[in-house]
C-alpha cells in the first residue's frame, strides 16, 4: 500500500505539470508566432518481484516476470513548430515565414537570437526592429525619403522613394536561419529562442533556399494552438489527477483496515 501511495503521488505531480503546460498554451492562443508545447512522460523503475525465465519445481521456465512499477516522471516538454494560422495586416513590415526557418535578431549584448514573430517596425534610426526594439539581422535601414516598402517572397527588401514612382531601390536581403532540431531551442520568452547544444548550429540561407521557407509580407503567423484540442487535453489530465488522488485515498483506507486488525 505504501508503494501505491508513492506511485499515485508521482502521477498527480506529473498531471499537475501537464496542466501547467496546457494552461500556458491556452494563455498564448493569440500570441504571434507562438508554438504549442506538450508534456511527455516515462514510467519509473520497476521492482522485480519474480524475474522471467525462472525454473519452477517441475523444470519449466516462467515465460513472464512479476514486476511492479513506481510511477511516472516528466521527461520533456516538446514544442510543435508546425505552421500557425495566418492573418492579413496589409502592413509590409509584418512578415511571416511559410515553412521552416526563423528571423535573426541582434540582442543588446551582441548575441544573435531567433523568432517566428514577424511583427516588425521602424525605430528612430529607421532600422527594422521587433516590438521590443531588437534589430533584425542582417541590418536593414529604410531611407528617409521612402514612401513605400515591399518585401519579396525571396526576402528582398525594396523601397520606392518620394518623387520617383518608377524607381524602386533594393535596400537589403533577408537571411533566415533553420536548425537541425528546432525542438531543442531554448525558449527565452518574448517570442525569442536561442541556440542550444540540443538544437544544433543554425543553417543560414535566403528565403526559399536550402530548405528555408519563403517570406510573405503583409501577413502574420499566429499561434498554432488549437483551443478545442487543449481543452480536451485539460479534461483528460484533470480526470487522471482525480484518479490518482482516489488511489491514494484507497491505499489509506487499506492501511486503516490493517491497523484495525486484532489478533
C-alpha atoms as a PDB file:
ATOM      1  CA  UNK A   1       0.000   0.000   0.000  1.00  0.00           C
ATOM      2  CA  UNK A   2       2.859   2.374   0.750  1.00  0.00           C
ATOM      3  CA  UNK A   3       4.206   1.808  -2.769  1.00  0.00           C
ATOM      4  CA  UNK A   4       0.772   2.621  -4.206  1.00  0.00           C
ATOM      5  CA  UNK A   5       0.752   5.974  -2.419  1.00  0.00           C
ATOM      6  CA  UNK A   6       4.140   6.974  -3.840  1.00  0.00           C
ATOM      7  CA  UNK A   7       3.169   5.794  -7.313  1.00  0.00           C
ATOM      8  CA  UNK A   8      -0.104   7.712  -7.276  1.00  0.00           C
ATOM      9  CA  UNK A   9       1.643  10.814  -5.905  1.00  0.00           C
ATOM     10  CA  UNK A  10       4.060  10.760  -8.862  1.00  0.00           C
ATOM     11  CA  UNK A  11       1.038  10.571 -11.169  1.00  0.00           C
ATOM     12  CA  UNK A  12      -0.553  13.592  -9.502  1.00  0.00           C
ATOM     13  CA  UNK A  13       2.656  15.591  -9.817  1.00  0.00           C
ATOM     14  CA  UNK A  14       3.010  14.624 -13.484  1.00  0.00           C
ATOM     15  CA  UNK A  15      -0.571  15.662 -14.284  1.00  0.00           C
ATOM     16  CA  UNK A  16      -0.073  18.938 -12.446  1.00  0.00           C
ATOM     17  CA  UNK A  17       2.883  19.716 -14.740  1.00  0.00           C
ATOM     18  CA  UNK A  18       0.779  18.586 -17.697  1.00  0.00           C
ATOM     19  CA  UNK A  19      -1.945  21.061 -16.719  1.00  0.00           C
ATOM     20  CA  UNK A  20       0.683  23.808 -16.362  1.00  0.00           C
ATOM     21  CA  UNK A  21       1.847  23.155 -19.940  1.00  0.00           C
ATOM     22  CA  UNK A  22      -1.713  23.150 -21.300  1.00  0.00           C
ATOM     23  CA  UNK A  23      -2.543  26.358 -19.415  1.00  0.00           C
ATOM     24  CA  UNK A  24       0.478  28.099 -20.967  1.00  0.00           C
ATOM     25  CA  UNK A  25      -0.670  27.003 -24.429  1.00  0.00           C
ATOM     26  CA  UNK A  26      -4.144  28.417 -23.840  1.00  0.00           C
ATOM     27  CA  UNK A  27      -2.733  31.643 -22.404  1.00  0.00           C
ATOM     28  CA  UNK A  28      -0.759  32.159 -25.646  1.00  0.00           C
ATOM     29  CA  UNK A  29      -3.521  31.273 -28.076  1.00  0.00           C
ATOM     30  CA  UNK A  30      -3.330  34.796 -29.562  1.00  0.00           C
ATOM     31  CA  UNK A  31       0.461  35.249 -29.303  1.00  0.00           C
ATOM     32  CA  UNK A  32       2.103  35.934 -32.661  1.00  0.00           C
ATOM     33  CA  UNK A  33       4.404  33.097 -33.723  1.00  0.00           C
ATOM     34  CA  UNK A  34       3.799  31.031 -30.550  1.00  0.00           C
ATOM     35  CA  UNK A  35       4.429  27.286 -30.865  1.00  0.00           C
ATOM     36  CA  UNK A  36       2.446  24.950 -28.636  1.00  0.00           C
ATOM     37  CA  UNK A  37       4.163  22.525 -26.280  1.00  0.00           C
ATOM     38  CA  UNK A  38       3.098  19.171 -24.917  1.00  0.00           C
ATOM     39  CA  UNK A  39       4.350  17.213 -21.930  1.00  0.00           C
ATOM     40  CA  UNK A  40       5.993  13.821 -22.447  1.00  0.00           C
ATOM     41  CA  UNK A  41       6.206  11.197 -19.698  1.00  0.00           C
ATOM     42  CA  UNK A  42       8.062   7.976 -18.938  1.00  0.00           C
ATOM     43  CA  UNK A  43       7.445   5.260 -16.388  1.00  0.00           C
ATOM     44  CA  UNK A  44       9.857   4.931 -13.475  1.00  0.00           C
ATOM     45  CA  UNK A  45      11.970   1.970 -12.387  1.00  0.00           C
ATOM     46  CA  UNK A  46      10.385  -1.439 -11.814  1.00  0.00           C
ATOM     47  CA  UNK A  47      10.865  -3.743  -8.857  1.00  0.00           C
ATOM     48  CA  UNK A  48      11.465  -7.334  -9.970  1.00  0.00           C
ATOM     49  CA  UNK A  49       9.345  -9.459  -7.651  1.00  0.00           C
ATOM     50  CA  UNK A  50       9.964 -12.573  -9.703  1.00  0.00           C
ATOM     51  CA  UNK A  51      12.191 -12.436 -12.800  1.00  0.00           C
ATOM     52  CA  UNK A  52      11.190 -14.160 -16.006  1.00  0.00           C
ATOM     53  CA  UNK A  53      12.934 -17.362 -17.052  1.00  0.00           C
ATOM     54  CA  UNK A  54      12.997 -18.866 -13.574  1.00  0.00           C
ATOM     55  CA  UNK A  55      12.789 -22.653 -13.461  1.00  0.00           C
ATOM     56  CA  UNK A  56       9.948 -23.980 -11.332  1.00  0.00           C
ATOM     57  CA  UNK A  57       9.829 -27.241  -9.387  1.00  0.00           C
ATOM     58  CA  UNK A  58       8.738 -29.145 -12.491  1.00  0.00           C
ATOM     59  CA  UNK A  59      11.636 -27.838 -14.566  1.00  0.00           C
ATOM     60  CA  UNK A  60       9.621 -25.371 -16.633  1.00  0.00           C
ATOM     61  CA  UNK A  61      10.805 -21.818 -17.244  1.00  0.00           C
ATOM     62  CA  UNK A  62       8.457 -18.949 -16.402  1.00  0.00           C
ATOM     63  CA  UNK A  63       7.555 -17.127 -19.660  1.00  0.00           C
ATOM     64  CA  UNK A  64       6.988 -13.795 -17.931  1.00  0.00           C
ATOM     65  CA  UNK A  65       8.240 -11.894 -14.919  1.00  0.00           C
ATOM     66  CA  UNK A  66       6.424 -10.329 -11.992  1.00  0.00           C
ATOM     67  CA  UNK A  67       7.343  -6.670 -11.650  1.00  0.00           C
ATOM     68  CA  UNK A  68       5.811  -3.609 -10.028  1.00  0.00           C
ATOM     69  CA  UNK A  69       6.341  -0.058 -11.277  1.00  0.00           C
ATOM     70  CA  UNK A  70       6.992   3.020  -9.169  1.00  0.00           C
ATOM     71  CA  UNK A  71       5.088   5.665 -11.093  1.00  0.00           C
ATOM     72  CA  UNK A  72       5.764   8.250 -13.780  1.00  0.00           C
ATOM     73  CA  UNK A  73       8.029  11.225 -14.447  1.00  0.00           C
ATOM     74  CA  UNK A  74       8.047  14.189 -16.833  1.00  0.00           C
ATOM     75  CA  UNK A  75      10.928  13.843 -19.306  1.00  0.00           C
ATOM     76  CA  UNK A  76      10.278  16.634 -21.827  1.00  0.00           C
ATOM     77  CA  UNK A  77       8.028  19.463 -22.901  1.00  0.00           C
ATOM     78  CA  UNK A  78       8.327  19.091 -26.639  1.00  0.00           C
ATOM     79  CA  UNK A  79       7.454  22.097 -28.804  1.00  0.00           C
ATOM     80  CA  UNK A  80       5.483  21.708 -32.030  1.00  0.00           C
ATOM     81  CA  UNK A  81       6.838  24.007 -34.760  1.00  0.00           C
ATOM     82  CA  UNK A  82       4.004  23.343 -37.180  1.00  0.00           C
ATOM     83  CA  UNK A  83       2.656  26.295 -39.153  1.00  0.00           C
ATOM     84  CA  UNK A  84       0.235  28.516 -37.259  1.00  0.00           C
ATOM     85  CA  UNK A  85      -2.845  30.255 -38.597  1.00  0.00           C
ATOM     86  CA  UNK A  86      -2.397  33.343 -40.787  1.00  0.00           C
ATOM     87  CA  UNK A  87      -3.823  36.848 -40.526  1.00  0.00           C
ATOM     88  CA  UNK A  88      -3.613  39.595 -43.153  1.00  0.00           C
ATOM     89  CA  UNK A  89      -2.458  43.006 -41.870  1.00  0.00           C
ATOM     90  CA  UNK A  90      -1.632  44.888 -45.120  1.00  0.00           C
ATOM     91  CA  UNK A  91       1.445  46.217 -43.319  1.00  0.00           C
ATOM     92  CA  UNK A  92       4.568  45.496 -45.433  1.00  0.00           C
ATOM     93  CA  UNK A  93       6.759  45.300 -42.303  1.00  0.00           C
ATOM     94  CA  UNK A  94       4.616  42.458 -40.965  1.00  0.00           C
ATOM     95  CA  UNK A  95       6.194  39.270 -42.282  1.00  0.00           C
ATOM     96  CA  UNK A  96       5.655  35.570 -41.849  1.00  0.00           C
ATOM     97  CA  UNK A  97       7.706  32.547 -42.854  1.00  0.00           C
ATOM     98  CA  UNK A  98       5.891  29.930 -44.907  1.00  0.00           C
ATOM     99  CA  UNK A  99       7.765  26.808 -43.925  1.00  0.00           C
ATOM    100  CA  UNK A 100      10.859  26.196 -41.824  1.00  0.00           C
ATOM    101  CA  UNK A 101      13.071  28.981 -40.520  1.00  0.00           C
ATOM    102  CA  UNK A 102      13.483  31.842 -38.066  1.00  0.00           C
ATOM    103  CA  UNK A 103      14.156  35.565 -38.298  1.00  0.00           C
ATOM    104  CA  UNK A 104      17.510  36.569 -36.794  1.00  0.00           C
ATOM    105  CA  UNK A 105      17.639  39.226 -34.079  1.00  0.00           C
ATOM    106  CA  UNK A 106      20.626  41.168 -32.768  1.00  0.00           C
ATOM    107  CA  UNK A 107      20.444  41.422 -28.969  1.00  0.00           C
ATOM    108  CA  UNK A 108      21.829  44.244 -26.850  1.00  0.00           C
ATOM    109  CA  UNK A 109      24.683  42.011 -25.624  1.00  0.00           C
ATOM    110  CA  UNK A 110      25.817  41.274 -29.177  1.00  0.00           C
ATOM    111  CA  UNK A 111      24.403  37.756 -29.368  1.00  0.00           C
ATOM    112  CA  UNK A 112      22.016  36.526 -32.040  1.00  0.00           C
ATOM    113  CA  UNK A 113      18.639  35.040 -31.194  1.00  0.00           C
ATOM    114  CA  UNK A 114      15.727  33.817 -33.260  1.00  0.00           C
ATOM    115  CA  UNK A 115      11.998  34.337 -33.591  1.00  0.00           C
ATOM    116  CA  UNK A 116       8.961  33.382 -35.657  1.00  0.00           C
ATOM    117  CA  UNK A 117       7.241  36.638 -34.703  1.00  0.00           C
ATOM    118  CA  UNK A 118       7.403  38.795 -37.809  1.00  0.00           C
ATOM    119  CA  UNK A 119       5.642  41.912 -36.495  1.00  0.00           C
ATOM    120  CA  UNK A 120       8.458  44.345 -37.290  1.00  0.00           C
ATOM    121  CA  UNK A 121       8.553  48.119 -37.027  1.00  0.00           C
ATOM    122  CA  UNK A 122      10.883  51.069 -37.667  1.00  0.00           C
ATOM    123  CA  UNK A 123      12.833  52.669 -34.832  1.00  0.00           C
ATOM    124  CA  UNK A 124      14.077  56.275 -34.629  1.00  0.00           C
ATOM    125  CA  UNK A 125      17.047  55.400 -36.843  1.00  0.00           C
ATOM    126  CA  UNK A 126      14.725  53.891 -39.485  1.00  0.00           C
ATOM    127  CA  UNK A 127      16.045  50.374 -38.751  1.00  0.00           C
ATOM    128  CA  UNK A 128      13.723  47.375 -38.905  1.00  0.00           C
ATOM    129  CA  UNK A 129      13.244  46.137 -35.332  1.00  0.00           C
ATOM    130  CA  UNK A 130      10.907  43.987 -33.224  1.00  0.00           C
ATOM    131  CA  UNK A 131       8.314  45.364 -30.801  1.00  0.00           C
ATOM    132  CA  UNK A 132      10.966  45.131 -28.045  1.00  0.00           C
ATOM    133  CA  UNK A 133      13.455  47.109 -30.163  1.00  0.00           C
ATOM    134  CA  UNK A 134      15.745  44.222 -31.154  1.00  0.00           C
ATOM    135  CA  UNK A 135      17.256  44.818 -34.588  1.00  0.00           C
ATOM    136  CA  UNK A 136      16.560  42.449 -37.456  1.00  0.00           C
ATOM    137  CA  UNK A 137      19.691  40.828 -38.867  1.00  0.00           C
ATOM    138  CA  UNK A 138      21.111  41.435 -41.403  1.00  0.00           C
ATOM    139  CA  UNK A 139      20.585  45.094 -40.544  1.00  0.00           C
ATOM    140  CA  UNK A 140      18.221  46.918 -42.902  1.00  0.00           C
ATOM    141  CA  UNK A 141      17.706  50.694 -42.782  1.00  0.00           C
ATOM    142  CA  UNK A 142      14.840  52.325 -44.655  1.00  0.00           C
ATOM    143  CA  UNK A 143      15.760  55.699 -46.293  1.00  0.00           C
ATOM    144  CA  UNK A 144      14.082  58.850 -45.015  1.00  0.00           C
ATOM    145  CA  UNK A 145      12.565  59.620 -48.422  1.00  0.00           C
ATOM    146  CA  UNK A 146      10.999  56.153 -48.830  1.00  0.00           C
ATOM    147  CA  UNK A 147       7.239  56.275 -49.320  1.00  0.00           C
ATOM    148  CA  UNK A 148       6.653  52.552 -49.779  1.00  0.00           C
ATOM    149  CA  UNK A 149       8.382  49.398 -48.557  1.00  0.00           C
ATOM    150  CA  UNK A 150       7.993  45.935 -50.044  1.00  0.00           C
ATOM    151  CA  UNK A 151       9.424  42.500 -49.250  1.00  0.00           C
ATOM    152  CA  UNK A 152       9.504  39.800 -51.919  1.00  0.00           C
ATOM    153  CA  UNK A 153       8.973  36.077 -51.432  1.00  0.00           C
ATOM    154  CA  UNK A 154      12.730  35.521 -51.577  1.00  0.00           C
ATOM    155  CA  UNK A 155      13.396  38.158 -48.916  1.00  0.00           C
ATOM    156  CA  UNK A 156      14.498  41.139 -50.998  1.00  0.00           C
ATOM    157  CA  UNK A 157      13.552  44.402 -49.254  1.00  0.00           C
ATOM    158  CA  UNK A 158      12.891  47.288 -51.663  1.00  0.00           C
ATOM    159  CA  UNK A 159      11.566  50.832 -51.373  1.00  0.00           C
ATOM    160  CA  UNK A 160      10.010  53.397 -53.641  1.00  0.00           C
ATOM    161  CA  UNK A 161      11.386  56.875 -52.999  1.00  0.00           C
ATOM    162  CA  UNK A 162       9.409  60.099 -52.919  1.00  0.00           C
ATOM    163  CA  UNK A 163       9.055  61.908 -56.240  1.00  0.00           C
ATOM    164  CA  UNK A 164      10.088  58.915 -58.343  1.00  0.00           C
ATOM    165  CA  UNK A 165       7.209  56.476 -58.652  1.00  0.00           C
ATOM    166  CA  UNK A 166       9.005  54.399 -61.275  1.00  0.00           C
ATOM    167  CA  UNK A 167      12.233  53.950 -59.316  1.00  0.00           C
ATOM    168  CA  UNK A 168      12.330  51.005 -56.907  1.00  0.00           C
ATOM    169  CA  UNK A 169      15.544  50.529 -54.920  1.00  0.00           C
ATOM    170  CA  UNK A 170      16.684  47.338 -53.214  1.00  0.00           C
ATOM    171  CA  UNK A 171      17.946  48.153 -49.715  1.00  0.00           C
ATOM    172  CA  UNK A 172      18.587  44.721 -48.237  1.00  0.00           C
ATOM    173  CA  UNK A 173      18.226  40.952 -48.331  1.00  0.00           C
ATOM    174  CA  UNK A 174      16.651  38.924 -45.530  1.00  0.00           C
ATOM    175  CA  UNK A 175      18.569  35.914 -44.274  1.00  0.00           C
ATOM    176  CA  UNK A 176      16.756  33.250 -42.289  1.00  0.00           C
ATOM    177  CA  UNK A 177      18.045  30.520 -40.004  1.00  0.00           C
ATOM    178  CA  UNK A 178      16.929  26.935 -39.604  1.00  0.00           C
ATOM    179  CA  UNK A 179      18.112  24.292 -37.162  1.00  0.00           C
ATOM    180  CA  UNK A 180      18.692  20.531 -37.355  1.00  0.00           C
ATOM    181  CA  UNK A 181      16.462  20.188 -34.273  1.00  0.00           C
ATOM    182  CA  UNK A 182      14.184  23.182 -33.736  1.00  0.00           C
ATOM    183  CA  UNK A 183      12.543  21.467 -30.742  1.00  0.00           C
ATOM    184  CA  UNK A 184      15.889  21.733 -28.930  1.00  0.00           C
ATOM    185  CA  UNK A 185      15.958  25.544 -28.975  1.00  0.00           C
ATOM    186  CA  UNK A 186      15.940  27.367 -25.632  1.00  0.00           C
ATOM    187  CA  UNK A 187      12.783  29.421 -25.148  1.00  0.00           C
ATOM    188  CA  UNK A 188      13.760  32.795 -23.691  1.00  0.00           C
ATOM    189  CA  UNK A 189      10.270  34.314 -23.576  1.00  0.00           C
ATOM    190  CA  UNK A 190       9.154  37.319 -25.567  1.00  0.00           C
ATOM    191  CA  UNK A 191       8.723  35.078 -28.651  1.00  0.00           C
ATOM    192  CA  UNK A 192      12.516  34.609 -28.742  1.00  0.00           C
ATOM    193  CA  UNK A 193      14.596  31.437 -28.942  1.00  0.00           C
ATOM    194  CA  UNK A 194      18.311  30.883 -28.561  1.00  0.00           C
ATOM    195  CA  UNK A 195      20.657  28.242 -29.901  1.00  0.00           C
ATOM    196  CA  UNK A 196      21.430  25.313 -27.595  1.00  0.00           C
ATOM    197  CA  UNK A 197      23.534  22.136 -27.788  1.00  0.00           C
ATOM    198  CA  UNK A 198      20.312  20.218 -28.457  1.00  0.00           C
ATOM    199  CA  UNK A 199      19.217  22.430 -31.365  1.00  0.00           C
ATOM    200  CA  UNK A 200      22.449  22.240 -33.314  1.00  0.00           C
ATOM    201  CA  UNK A 201      24.189  25.024 -35.223  1.00  0.00           C
ATOM    202  CA  UNK A 202      21.954  27.357 -37.276  1.00  0.00           C
ATOM    203  CA  UNK A 203      21.981  26.976 -41.054  1.00  0.00           C
ATOM    204  CA  UNK A 204      21.659  30.392 -42.721  1.00  0.00           C
ATOM    205  CA  UNK A 205      20.067  30.880 -46.128  1.00  0.00           C
ATOM    206  CA  UNK A 206      17.953  33.317 -48.097  1.00  0.00           C
ATOM    207  CA  UNK A 207      14.199  32.607 -48.072  1.00  0.00           C
ATOM    208  CA  UNK A 208      13.232  29.711 -50.329  1.00  0.00           C
ATOM    209  CA  UNK A 209      16.748  28.221 -50.452  1.00  0.00           C
ATOM    210  CA  UNK A 210      18.243  25.161 -48.698  1.00  0.00           C
ATOM    211  CA  UNK A 211      15.016  24.113 -47.024  1.00  0.00           C
ATOM    212  CA  UNK A 212      14.223  27.557 -45.591  1.00  0.00           C
ATOM    213  CA  UNK A 213      10.662  28.818 -46.036  1.00  0.00           C
ATOM    214  CA  UNK A 214       9.641  31.828 -48.094  1.00  0.00           C
ATOM    215  CA  UNK A 215       8.599  35.192 -46.658  1.00  0.00           C
ATOM    216  CA  UNK A 216       5.134  36.662 -47.040  1.00  0.00           C
ATOM    217  CA  UNK A 217       4.861  40.418 -46.495  1.00  0.00           C
ATOM    218  CA  UNK A 218       1.640  41.884 -45.092  1.00  0.00           C
ATOM    219  CA  UNK A 219       0.795  38.733 -43.129  1.00  0.00           C
ATOM    220  CA  UNK A 220       1.464  37.462 -39.608  1.00  0.00           C
ATOM    221  CA  UNK A 221       1.701  33.908 -38.346  1.00  0.00           C
ATOM    222  CA  UNK A 222      -0.419  33.450 -35.242  1.00  0.00           C
ATOM    223  CA  UNK A 223      -0.208  30.724 -32.609  1.00  0.00           C
ATOM    224  CA  UNK A 224      -0.607  27.106 -33.725  1.00  0.00           C
ATOM    225  CA  UNK A 225      -2.586  26.292 -30.564  1.00  0.00           C
ATOM    226  CA  UNK A 226      -5.927  24.579 -31.213  1.00  0.00           C
ATOM    227  CA  UNK A 227      -8.205  25.665 -28.346  1.00  0.00           C
ATOM    228  CA  UNK A 228     -10.564  22.681 -28.531  1.00  0.00           C
ATOM    229  CA  UNK A 229      -7.679  20.188 -28.517  1.00  0.00           C
ATOM    230  CA  UNK A 230      -6.124  21.856 -25.476  1.00  0.00           C
ATOM    231  CA  UNK A 231      -9.436  21.833 -23.596  1.00  0.00           C
ATOM    232  CA  UNK A 232      -9.841  18.111 -24.280  1.00  0.00           C
ATOM    233  CA  UNK A 233      -6.295  17.504 -23.023  1.00  0.00           C
ATOM    234  CA  UNK A 234      -7.071  19.535 -19.910  1.00  0.00           C
ATOM    235  CA  UNK A 235     -10.164  17.470 -19.118  1.00  0.00           C
ATOM    236  CA  UNK A 236      -8.192  14.251 -19.618  1.00  0.00           C
ATOM    237  CA  UNK A 237      -5.391  15.487 -17.335  1.00  0.00           C
ATOM    238  CA  UNK A 238      -7.906  16.559 -14.699  1.00  0.00           C
ATOM    239  CA  UNK A 239      -9.551  13.121 -14.687  1.00  0.00           C
ATOM    240  CA  UNK A 240      -6.151  11.414 -14.432  1.00  0.00           C
ATOM    241  CA  UNK A 241      -5.303  13.662 -11.476  1.00  0.00           C
ATOM    242  CA  UNK A 242      -8.576  12.728  -9.759  1.00  0.00           C
ATOM    243  CA  UNK A 243      -7.988   9.003 -10.305  1.00  0.00           C
ATOM    244  CA  UNK A 244      -4.519   9.216  -8.801  1.00  0.00           C
ATOM    245  CA  UNK A 245      -5.883  11.077  -5.778  1.00  0.00           C
ATOM    246  CA  UNK A 246      -8.522   8.370  -5.336  1.00  0.00           C
ATOM    247  CA  UNK A 247      -5.773   5.759  -5.459  1.00  0.00           C
ATOM    248  CA  UNK A 248      -4.073   7.472  -2.514  1.00  0.00           C
ATOM    249  CA  UNK A 249      -7.391   7.535  -0.648  1.00  0.00           C
ATOM    250  CA  UNK A 250      -7.940   3.834  -1.344  1.00  0.00           C
ATOM    251  CA  UNK A 251      -4.424   2.928  -0.178  1.00  0.00           C
ATOM    252  CA  UNK A 252      -5.009   4.935   3.001  1.00  0.00           C
ATOM    253  CA  UNK A 253      -8.263   3.052   3.680  1.00  0.00           C
ATOM    254  CA  UNK A 254      -6.472  -0.255   3.191  1.00  0.00           C
ATOM    255  CA  UNK A 255      -3.811   0.802   5.709  1.00  0.00           C
ATOM    256  CA  UNK A 256      -6.540   1.758   8.150  1.00  0.00           C
ATOM    257  CA  UNK A 257      -8.067  -1.700   7.733  1.00  0.00           C
ATOM    258  CA  UNK A 258      -4.717  -3.303   8.511  1.00  0.00           C
ATOM    259  CA  UNK A 259      -4.292  -1.105  11.599  1.00  0.00           C
ATOM    260  CA  UNK A 260      -7.697  -2.218  12.904  1.00  0.00           C
ATOM    261  CA  UNK A 261      -6.857  -5.894  12.684  1.00  0.00           C
ATOM    262  CA  UNK A 262      -6.817  -7.671  16.027  1.00  0.00           C
ATOM    263  CA  UNK A 263      -5.148 -10.912  16.979  1.00  0.00           C
END
